[in-house]
Each structure stands twice: as structure tokens, then as C-alpha cells.
Amino acid sequence: GGGRVPPAPPRPAAGTPPADRMVANDHLVEFVRAAARLRIETFLSPDAMTDGGRESEVSKEDAIFALEAFSPSDDESEENNEEDEEAGRGGGGDDNDDDDDILSRMVESLDGAKKAGDQSSPISRLLNVVEFEKDDESNGHVPFVTASSNLRALCYGIKPVDAMETRRVAGRIVPAMITTTGLVAAASCVELLKMMQGVPLRSHKNAFVNLALPFFAFTSPLPAEEMGGWRGETYTIWDRMEVREGRKSAERGGMTLSRFLRQLRKQIESDEGEGDEEEEEEMEICSVSYGPYMLYANFLHEGDESILRKSVWDLVKEAAISGDDIDEEDFGLFPDSDDDEERPSPPPESRELTDEQREQIEAIDRKRSLELSVIVEDPETGEEIELPPVSVVRWKGPTAKQ
């Protein structure tokens, strides 16, 4: 309301070679100079840091050279665009392979943090810490903030400002940036770096912070709480069980609840080992839930083929769009049959749905796995035991329908 003009979408900040002849490139050159200097000072020795910043200064010529070396030529840009278009069309590739490549590149890029510096330190080499000072002309802080903010301004069509305006704004906004959210984000990044460096567990810390008091307390992490599981076993919140959908199940519309229950019993039996087969056959699965929705309860659905022959994915969709447990009217889709072969039930997509319900179904279809809560009963004691979360993993390969 109020007749406000919607913000313009950002445009990419790109240099136009040659870098020393276009006024639009000045901000890019200054950003490269300022950012390179701060990065150099991050790794400089304390002796080099005392030289008034001259050791780490980057000349304008070096920044222009780096900027032009980074900017691809027209031929390279056209080739990259063609590759992006080919990737966008699919090209017969596997999304899972792409995800693996992305993960590998991320791990490789973080590997430098793991190997950098003196390995004798428990957290490798400590980097130099600098304190932002807007009134120091020699530290390069204001040029970096000015260049960074001006690049962002250019992306959004906003007029750039000079260093004096940066100092004026910094004097007001820096205190407002020191929030609990910012502190928590920074502390999380520090712990991530520790994890990538493989430091001992004692080097990790839990932080309790209240900036208003102010109060800062750090404790060593405790082991995850152990919960009682099946037949005296224990598990923590980090443990999972996994049931994978097969190709044939995927071709028939997805793993049915009946097959899921059988696979889960078989997995528990194999984990238990030989010699307890008779007892394991008596194990009773009491309930299967997805979040707040109950998908199966033995006192309601045992032997009910209309539920057991539905796919787990369809059961979750029905529960999600109904906003409650599966209704009684959903139990009569299939009459009783002596045919043991599994067959799918009509999918929820065949009904008339609201836009919100369609969005819920599409969100479930995009999931590669579902995390279910399963409660079983120990036949010896009659005690109900909750298993670790059970993930149903969707079949990822091709099917006959494809």
C-alpha cells in the first residue's frame, strides 16, 4: 500500500574490459584492492603487521590485472552459457551425480581450512584478528566497506557514495549490527571450521550468551543422551534406521505399507542375529506415524488390506491433505482378497484438491525420503518401545515406466 514502487531486481555486477578505461569498473578495482589487502593481513606475521599496512597494500595495477584475468572472454562466456543451457535441459544426467559433485567440491574447498597453518596448534593456526576502525585512514577498512556497499548499490540501481558517507553511516549502524543473531552465526561458523580441521572434541564449545547483561559462558559438549531401544539396545538422536524402496515397488506406485513392515521386521531380525528367530517372529509393530499423523495402528489396521496395500507415499499424502489421521472412509478402497500380490490404490492426486493441498502433495513428491516414527512391542515384557527414526528412501534409479 501507500503507492510504494516495488524494488528493482538486482543486476549482476560485471566488469567491462579493459578494466582501466571504464568508470563503471572503478568500484570493482577498489573492491579487489581492499579485499585482497584484508585477506593478506589475515595471514601476515605480527612483525609484518606493524609496518603501517605498507606490507599488505595492493596496487591499482595489480588489481586491474587480477580483474582482467578473472573476467572471461566473449568466446568463453558464450561457451559457458551453452554449457549452462545444456545442463538446464537435463542432458540425460543424473541429479544425484550432480549433488555428489557439488558436495565433493564443497568438501574440497573447505579442505584448505583443515590443512592451513601450523598443525601443532589444537585448532591449527589462529588467524589475525582486526577490529573495525572507521577513523583510521591507513587500515583499509573504510575503503573495503565503501567498495562492497557501492557494488551492491550498483546491482540495485542505487547511487554509490564516497568514503565520508560510509564513515557517517558506519558510526550509526555498526552498534546495531552487534546482535545475538550475528554472534550465534559467527560462533556456528567457528565450530564448523573446528569440525573441518578435525580438532579434538574438547576444543568444541557450547556457548550461553546474553548480550543485555552481558553474560558469556562456555562449556564442553556432552555426549548425546542415550535412549532405550529394542532388546536392551540404546540409540541417540543421531541414529537412524533405513528402509530402501526397490525398483519393482517404485514401478507399482511406491513401497506399500505391508512391504515396509516386512522389511523393517527383517532388518531388526538381522540386527538381532541368529538364534532368536522364533522370538523375532512374535515382534509386533504397534504404530507407524509421520509427524503428527498416524499412518498405521495394529489395533485398527492389522489385516486391513485397504491400508496395507497402499504405498507409504500415498498414505502420507492422504494424512497431510486431510489434516488428521486417516479417515475411516479411506479403509474400504479394496475388498478383501486372497491375492497376496501387492497392488497400488488410487493416488490422492486423482481427487479434487485445493491449491494448498496440491502444494502439500508436490512437496511430498519432491522428498527423497520420509522419516517415520515406529513403536514396537516386546513380546516378552509387553513393553512398547520407540525405535530410532526410520527413513523410507525413494528408489533413485530408472523404472520400466520411464
Protein backbone atom coordinates (compact mmCIF):
# COMPACT_ATOMS: atom_id res chain seq x y z
CA GLY A 1 0.00 0.00 0.00
CA GLY A 2 0.92 3.65 0.13
CA GLY A 3 1.85 3.77 -3.57
CA ARG A 4 5.35 2.45 -2.95
CA VAL A 5 7.32 1.40 -6.02
CA PRO A 6 8.44 -2.24 -5.77
CA PRO A 7 12.21 -2.66 -5.52
CA ALA A 8 14.03 -3.28 -8.78
CA PRO A 9 15.53 -6.75 -9.21
CA PRO A 10 19.33 -6.81 -8.87
CA ARG A 11 21.61 -6.94 -11.89
CA PRO A 12 24.93 -8.81 -11.88
CA ALA A 13 28.00 -6.67 -11.26
CA ALA A 14 30.31 -7.35 -14.19
CA GLY A 15 33.41 -5.54 -15.39
CA THR A 16 33.87 -4.34 -18.96
CA PRO A 17 37.45 -4.80 -20.22
CA PRO A 18 39.80 -3.09 -20.34
CA ALA A 19 39.42 -2.52 -16.61
CA ASP A 20 41.33 0.80 -16.51
CA ARG A 21 39.19 2.59 -19.11
CA MET A 22 35.64 2.27 -17.82
CA VAL A 23 34.36 4.39 -14.95
CA ALA A 24 31.94 1.56 -14.04
CA ASN A 25 34.93 -0.65 -13.25
CA ASP A 26 36.40 1.70 -10.65
CA HIS A 27 34.33 0.18 -7.86
CA LEU A 28 35.35 -3.34 -8.88
CA VAL A 29 39.02 -2.36 -8.91
CA GLU A 30 38.76 -0.72 -5.48
CA PHE A 31 36.97 -3.78 -4.11
CA VAL A 32 39.73 -6.10 -5.36
CA ARG A 33 42.40 -3.85 -3.82
CA ALA A 34 40.68 -3.56 -0.44
CA ALA A 35 39.56 -7.20 -0.20
CA ALA A 36 42.98 -8.55 -1.25
CA ARG A 37 44.71 -6.39 1.35
CA LEU A 38 42.46 -7.57 4.18
CA ARG A 39 42.92 -11.19 3.13
CA ILE A 40 46.70 -10.78 3.06
CA GLU A 41 46.65 -9.23 6.53
CA THR A 42 44.64 -12.19 7.79
CA PHE A 43 47.71 -14.41 7.30
CA LEU A 44 50.56 -11.94 7.88
CA SER A 45 53.00 -12.40 10.73
CA PRO A 46 52.74 -9.96 13.67
CA ASP A 47 56.03 -8.33 12.60
CA ALA A 48 54.73 -7.54 9.13
CA MET A 49 51.51 -6.12 10.60
CA THR A 50 53.45 -3.35 12.39
CA ASP A 51 54.61 -1.71 9.15
CA GLY A 52 51.65 0.65 8.87
CA GLY A 53 49.91 -1.58 6.34
CA ARG A 54 52.51 -0.99 3.59
CA GLU A 55 53.44 -4.69 3.51
CA SER A 56 49.91 -5.66 2.52
CA GLU A 57 48.94 -2.82 0.18
CA VAL A 58 47.79 -3.86 -3.29
CA SER A 59 48.49 -1.51 -6.18
CA LYS A 60 45.82 -0.40 -8.61
CA GLU A 61 47.76 -2.02 -11.46
CA ASP A 62 47.78 -5.40 -9.68
CA ALA A 63 44.05 -5.14 -9.01
CA ILE A 64 43.35 -4.32 -12.68
CA PHE A 65 45.48 -7.28 -13.78
CA ALA A 66 43.61 -9.63 -11.41
CA LEU A 67 40.23 -8.31 -12.53
CA GLU A 68 41.00 -8.73 -16.22
CA ALA A 69 42.43 -12.21 -15.62
CA PHE A 70 39.24 -13.19 -13.79
CA SER A 71 36.86 -11.81 -16.44
CA PRO A 72 36.19 -14.43 -19.15
CA SER A 73 36.46 -13.51 -22.82
CA ASP A 74 33.38 -13.29 -25.03
CA ASP A 75 34.13 -16.73 -26.50
CA GLU A 76 34.49 -18.27 -23.04
CA SER A 77 31.29 -16.59 -21.85
CA GLU A 78 29.37 -17.94 -24.85
CA GLU A 79 30.78 -21.43 -24.25
CA ASN A 80 29.81 -21.29 -20.56
CA ASN A 81 26.30 -20.13 -21.46
CA GLU A 82 25.91 -23.04 -23.88
CA GLU A 83 27.04 -25.47 -21.17
CA ASP A 84 24.56 -23.95 -18.70
CA GLU A 85 21.73 -24.25 -21.23
CA GLU A 86 22.66 -27.88 -21.91
CA ALA A 87 22.69 -28.59 -18.17
CA GLY A 88 19.31 -26.88 -17.82
CA ARG A 89 17.82 -29.18 -20.45
CA GLY A 90 18.89 -32.19 -18.40
CA GLY A 91 21.24 -33.78 -20.91
CA GLY A 92 20.33 -37.23 -19.60
CA GLY A 93 22.40 -36.68 -16.47
CA ASP A 94 21.61 -37.85 -13.00
CA ASP A 95 20.59 -35.26 -10.41
CA ASN A 96 22.13 -37.44 -7.75
CA ASP A 97 25.51 -37.33 -9.53
CA ASP A 98 25.26 -33.54 -9.69
CA ASP A 99 24.56 -33.41 -5.97
CA ASP A 100 27.56 -35.65 -5.31
CA ASP A 101 29.76 -33.37 -7.43
CA ILE A 102 28.57 -30.29 -5.56
CA LEU A 103 29.22 -31.96 -2.23
CA SER A 104 32.69 -33.05 -3.35
CA ARG A 105 33.55 -29.52 -4.46
CA MET A 106 32.33 -28.08 -1.16
CA VAL A 107 34.44 -30.53 0.83
CA GLU A 108 37.44 -29.83 -1.39
CA SER A 109 37.06 -26.06 -0.97
CA LEU A 110 36.92 -26.44 2.81
CA ASP A 111 39.94 -28.70 2.85
CA GLY A 112 42.22 -25.69 2.89
CA ALA A 113 40.88 -24.66 6.28
CA LYS A 114 41.69 -28.13 7.56
CA LYS A 115 45.30 -28.13 6.35
CA ALA A 116 46.22 -24.46 6.72
CA GLY A 117 48.76 -23.16 9.19
CA ASP A 118 50.69 -24.76 11.99
CA GLN A 119 49.29 -28.18 12.77
CA SER A 120 50.80 -28.18 16.27
CA SER A 121 48.02 -25.88 17.46
CA PRO A 122 44.80 -27.65 18.59
CA ILE A 123 42.81 -25.56 16.13
CA SER A 124 45.58 -25.18 13.53
CA ARG A 125 46.94 -21.66 13.09
CA LEU A 126 44.98 -18.77 14.59
CA LEU A 127 44.23 -16.05 12.05
CA ASN A 128 44.93 -12.40 12.77
CA VAL A 129 42.04 -10.53 14.36
CA VAL A 130 41.38 -6.95 13.30
CA GLU A 131 38.99 -4.50 14.92
CA PHE A 132 36.99 -2.25 12.63
CA GLU A 133 38.06 1.38 12.98
CA LYS A 134 36.37 3.89 10.72
CA ASP A 135 38.62 6.84 11.65
CA ASP A 136 41.95 5.20 10.77
CA GLU A 137 43.00 6.25 7.26
CA SER A 138 45.74 3.63 6.99
CA ASN A 139 43.98 0.36 7.86
CA GLY A 140 41.95 -0.04 4.64
CA HIS A 141 38.70 -0.81 6.46
CA VAL A 142 36.61 2.08 5.15
CA PRO A 143 37.76 1.55 1.51
CA PHE A 144 36.63 -2.09 1.74
CA VAL A 145 33.21 -1.23 3.19
CA THR A 146 32.79 1.58 0.66
CA ALA A 147 33.68 -0.63 -2.31
CA SER A 148 31.48 -3.50 -1.10
CA SER A 149 28.43 -1.32 -0.44
CA ASN A 150 28.86 0.52 -3.74
CA LEU A 151 28.94 -2.76 -5.69
CA ARG A 152 25.72 -3.80 -4.01
CA ALA A 153 24.24 -0.36 -4.73
CA LEU A 154 25.11 -0.66 -8.42
CA CYS A 155 23.40 -4.05 -8.58
CA TYR A 156 20.16 -2.44 -7.36
CA GLY A 157 20.47 0.80 -9.33
CA ILE A 158 21.31 2.90 -6.25
CA LYS A 159 23.71 5.83 -6.40
CA PRO A 160 27.16 5.00 -4.94
CA VAL A 161 28.57 7.03 -2.05
CA ASP A 162 32.03 8.24 -1.03
CA ALA A 163 34.17 7.24 1.95
CA MET A 164 32.89 10.15 4.05
CA GLU A 165 29.30 8.91 3.78
CA THR A 166 30.48 5.39 4.65
CA ARG A 167 32.07 6.71 7.85
CA ARG A 168 28.90 8.58 8.76
CA VAL A 169 26.65 5.55 8.26
CA ALA A 170 29.12 3.17 9.95
CA GLY A 171 29.06 5.32 13.07
CA ARG A 172 25.35 4.63 13.42
CA ILE A 173 24.90 1.12 12.03
CA VAL A 174 27.86 -0.78 13.49
CA PRO A 175 26.38 -0.79 17.04
CA ALA A 176 23.09 -2.05 15.59
CA MET A 177 24.91 -4.97 13.89
CA ILE A 178 26.12 -6.38 17.20
CA THR A 179 23.15 -8.62 17.86
CA THR A 180 22.72 -12.05 19.38
CA THR A 181 21.83 -13.39 15.94
CA GLY A 182 25.12 -12.16 14.50
CA LEU A 183 27.08 -13.61 17.41
CA VAL A 184 25.38 -17.01 17.10
CA ALA A 185 26.01 -17.10 13.34
CA ALA A 186 29.69 -16.31 13.84
CA ALA A 187 30.07 -18.86 16.65
CA SER A 188 28.47 -21.52 14.45
CA CYS A 189 30.97 -20.79 11.67
CA VAL A 190 33.85 -21.11 14.13
CA GLU A 191 32.57 -24.52 15.26
CA LEU A 192 32.22 -25.59 11.61
CA LEU A 193 35.86 -24.69 10.96
CA LYS A 194 36.89 -26.70 14.02
CA MET A 195 34.97 -29.68 12.69
CA MET A 196 36.64 -29.43 9.26
CA GLN A 197 40.05 -29.22 10.95
CA GLY A 198 39.33 -32.42 12.88
CA VAL A 199 40.20 -30.93 16.26
CA PRO A 200 39.62 -32.94 19.47
CA LEU A 201 36.12 -32.88 20.91
CA ARG A 202 37.37 -30.90 23.92
CA SER A 203 38.17 -27.97 21.62
CA HIS A 204 34.50 -27.57 20.68
CA LYS A 205 32.36 -25.40 22.95
CA ASN A 206 28.72 -24.75 23.76
CA ALA A 207 28.08 -21.03 24.24
CA PHE A 208 25.49 -19.42 26.51
CA VAL A 209 25.17 -15.71 25.74
CA ASN A 210 23.04 -12.80 26.91
CA LEU A 211 24.28 -9.53 25.43
CA ALA A 212 21.95 -7.44 27.59
CA LEU A 213 23.62 -8.40 30.90
CA PRO A 214 26.25 -9.07 29.39
CA PHE A 215 26.80 -12.77 30.11
CA PHE A 216 29.11 -15.21 28.31
CA ALA A 217 29.63 -18.83 29.38
CA PHE A 218 31.26 -21.70 27.51
CA THR A 219 31.05 -25.40 28.29
CA SER A 220 32.42 -28.55 26.70
CA PRO A 221 29.83 -30.59 24.77
CA LEU A 222 28.35 -33.61 26.50
CA PRO A 223 27.68 -36.97 24.83
CA ALA A 224 24.27 -37.29 23.22
CA GLU A 225 21.64 -38.69 25.57
CA GLU A 226 21.07 -42.42 25.09
CA MET A 227 17.52 -43.74 24.87
CA GLY A 228 16.36 -47.28 25.41
CA GLY A 229 15.70 -49.29 22.26
CA TRP A 230 14.82 -52.80 21.17
CA ARG A 231 16.04 -55.66 23.37
CA GLY A 232 18.26 -53.56 25.62
CA GLU A 233 19.96 -51.64 22.82
CA THR A 234 20.37 -47.88 23.06
CA TYR A 235 20.38 -45.11 20.49
CA THR A 236 20.78 -41.32 20.32
CA ILE A 237 19.09 -38.58 18.32
CA TRP A 238 21.79 -39.04 15.66
CA ASP A 239 20.89 -42.67 14.94
CA ARG A 240 18.62 -43.70 12.06
CA MET A 241 17.21 -46.87 10.57
CA GLU A 242 16.78 -47.01 6.81
CA VAL A 243 14.38 -48.92 4.57
CA ARG A 244 15.06 -48.51 0.84
CA GLU A 245 12.40 -48.77 -1.82
CA GLY A 246 13.11 -51.27 -4.60
CA ARG A 247 12.68 -50.83 -8.32
CA LYS A 248 9.65 -53.12 -8.55
CA SER A 249 7.94 -51.29 -5.72
CA ALA A 250 8.63 -47.97 -7.43
CA GLU A 251 7.12 -49.27 -10.69
CA ARG A 252 3.94 -50.26 -8.82
CA GLY A 253 3.48 -46.81 -7.35
CA GLY A 254 5.80 -46.96 -4.37
CA MET A 255 6.65 -49.22 -1.45
CA THR A 256 3.44 -50.43 0.19
CA LEU A 257 2.90 -50.27 3.92
CA SER A 258 2.82 -54.08 4.01
CA ARG A 259 6.24 -54.36 2.38
CA PHE A 260 7.62 -51.61 4.61
CA LEU A 261 6.53 -53.52 7.73
CA ARG A 262 8.08 -56.75 6.42
CA GLN A 263 11.36 -55.05 5.53
CA LEU A 264 11.51 -53.39 8.93
CA ARG A 265 10.93 -56.69 10.75
CA LYS A 266 13.59 -58.36 8.61
CA GLN A 267 16.08 -55.58 9.36
CA ILE A 268 15.51 -55.82 13.11
CA GLU A 269 15.86 -59.60 12.90
CA SER A 270 19.17 -59.35 11.03
CA ASP A 271 20.48 -56.83 13.58
CA GLU A 272 19.45 -59.16 16.40
CA GLY A 273 21.46 -62.06 14.96
CA GLU A 274 20.78 -65.76 14.73
CA GLY A 275 19.19 -67.82 17.43
CA ASP A 276 16.25 -65.54 18.17
CA GLU A 277 14.18 -66.18 15.06
CA GLU A 278 11.23 -67.57 16.98
CA GLU A 279 11.09 -64.59 19.28
CA GLU A 280 11.55 -62.11 16.43
CA GLU A 281 8.57 -63.57 14.57
CA GLU A 282 6.43 -62.58 17.53
CA MET A 283 7.55 -58.96 17.42
CA GLU A 284 4.56 -56.67 16.98
CA ILE A 285 4.72 -53.30 15.24
CA CYS A 286 2.21 -51.22 17.15
CA SER A 287 2.14 -47.98 15.17
CA VAL A 288 3.74 -46.02 12.34
CA SER A 289 3.49 -42.22 12.32
CA TYR A 290 4.64 -39.36 10.13
CA GLY A 291 4.96 -36.24 12.23
CA PRO A 292 1.57 -35.72 13.94
CA TYR A 293 -0.20 -38.14 11.58
CA MET A 294 -0.73 -41.80 12.44
CA LEU A 295 -0.44 -43.95 9.33
CA TYR A 296 -0.85 -47.38 10.91
CA ALA A 297 -2.01 -48.82 14.22
CA ASN A 298 -2.16 -52.56 14.81
CA PHE A 299 -5.39 -52.36 16.81
CA LEU A 300 -7.09 -50.61 13.85
CA HIS A 301 -5.41 -51.80 10.68
CA GLU A 302 -3.98 -55.29 11.29
CA GLY A 303 -5.09 -57.39 8.32
CA ASP A 304 -6.77 -54.39 6.66
CA GLU A 305 -5.64 -54.81 3.05
CA SER A 306 -7.04 -51.41 2.05
CA ILE A 307 -4.35 -49.78 4.18
CA LEU A 308 -1.58 -52.37 3.91
CA ARG A 309 -1.63 -52.30 0.09
CA LYS A 310 -1.35 -48.55 -0.18
CA SER A 311 2.05 -47.03 -0.78
CA VAL A 312 3.67 -45.26 2.14
CA TRP A 313 3.92 -42.12 -0.01
CA ASP A 314 0.16 -42.11 -0.69
CA LEU A 315 -0.63 -42.69 2.98
CA VAL A 316 1.48 -39.68 3.94
CA LYS A 317 -0.17 -37.55 1.25
CA GLU A 318 -3.66 -38.54 2.41
CA ALA A 319 -2.80 -37.77 6.01
CA ALA A 320 -1.27 -34.41 5.10
CA ILE A 321 -4.16 -33.16 2.97
CA SER A 322 -6.77 -34.38 5.44
CA GLY A 323 -5.07 -32.59 8.33
CA ASP A 324 -5.84 -35.54 10.58
CA ASP A 325 -5.32 -39.28 10.91
CA ILE A 326 -6.51 -41.42 8.01
CA ASP A 327 -10.31 -41.37 7.96
CA GLU A 328 -12.43 -44.48 8.34
CA GLU A 329 -13.90 -43.91 4.88
CA ASP A 330 -10.44 -44.42 3.38
CA PHE A 331 -10.31 -48.01 4.63
CA GLY A 332 -12.67 -49.58 2.08
CA LEU A 333 -10.98 -48.94 -1.25
CA PHE A 334 -10.14 -52.61 -1.75
CA PRO A 335 -12.38 -55.53 -0.82
CA ASP A 336 -10.89 -58.48 0.98
CA SER A 337 -8.92 -60.64 -1.43
CA ASP A 338 -6.96 -63.87 -1.31
CA ASP A 339 -4.47 -62.46 -3.83
CA ASP A 340 -1.20 -61.86 -1.98
CA GLU A 341 0.26 -59.76 -4.78
CA GLU A 342 0.59 -56.13 -3.79
CA ARG A 343 -1.30 -53.61 -5.86
CA PRO A 344 -1.48 -49.84 -5.51
CA SER A 345 -4.56 -47.88 -4.50
CA PRO A 346 -5.91 -44.81 -6.32
CA PRO A 347 -3.49 -41.95 -5.60
CA PRO A 348 -4.59 -38.82 -3.72
CA GLU A 349 -3.85 -36.77 -6.87
CA SER A 350 -6.97 -38.27 -8.50
CA ARG A 351 -9.25 -36.41 -6.09
CA GLU A 352 -10.43 -32.83 -6.35
CA LEU A 353 -7.95 -30.82 -4.31
CA THR A 354 -7.47 -27.24 -3.25
CA ASP A 355 -4.37 -25.31 -4.28
CA GLU A 356 -2.95 -25.69 -0.77
CA GLN A 357 -3.47 -29.46 -0.85
CA ARG A 358 -1.78 -29.69 -4.25
CA GLU A 359 1.21 -27.80 -2.86
CA GLN A 360 1.41 -30.26 0.04
CA ILE A 361 1.37 -33.22 -2.35
CA GLU A 362 4.02 -31.65 -4.59
CA ALA A 363 6.22 -31.02 -1.55
CA ILE A 364 5.97 -34.69 -0.56
CA ASP A 365 6.72 -35.79 -4.14
CA ARG A 366 9.94 -33.77 -4.05
CA LYS A 367 11.18 -35.55 -0.94
CA ARG A 368 13.74 -38.29 -1.46
CA SER A 369 12.93 -39.87 1.87
CA LEU A 370 10.32 -39.83 4.62
CA GLU A 371 11.19 -40.03 8.30
CA LEU A 372 8.71 -42.18 10.22
CA SER A 373 8.22 -42.88 13.91
CA VAL A 374 7.71 -46.57 14.71
CA ILE A 375 6.66 -48.13 18.03
CA VAL A 376 7.05 -51.88 18.59
CA GLU A 377 6.02 -54.19 21.42
CA ASP A 378 8.41 -56.56 23.17
CA PRO A 379 6.58 -59.93 23.29
CA GLU A 380 8.44 -60.95 26.47
CA THR A 381 7.59 -57.92 28.60
CA GLY A 382 4.69 -56.35 26.72
CA GLU A 383 6.59 -53.06 26.85
CA GLU A 384 6.14 -50.60 23.99
CA ILE A 385 9.46 -49.34 22.63
CA GLU A 386 10.07 -46.50 20.18
CA LEU A 387 12.65 -47.32 17.52
CA PRO A 388 15.14 -44.78 16.19
CA PRO A 389 13.62 -42.68 13.39
CA VAL A 390 13.06 -44.86 10.32
CA SER A 391 13.80 -43.30 6.91
CA VAL A 392 11.95 -44.66 3.88
CA VAL A 393 14.23 -43.86 0.93
CA ARG A 394 12.70 -43.47 -2.51
CA TRP A 395 14.03 -45.53 -5.43
CA LYS A 396 16.51 -43.35 -7.37
CA GLY A 397 17.16 -45.41 -10.48
CA PRO A 398 15.14 -45.79 -13.70
CA THR A 399 11.90 -47.76 -13.81
CA ALA A 400 10.15 -49.66 -16.60
CA LYS A 401 7.61 -46.81 -16.89
CA GLN A 402 10.42 -44.44 -17.83
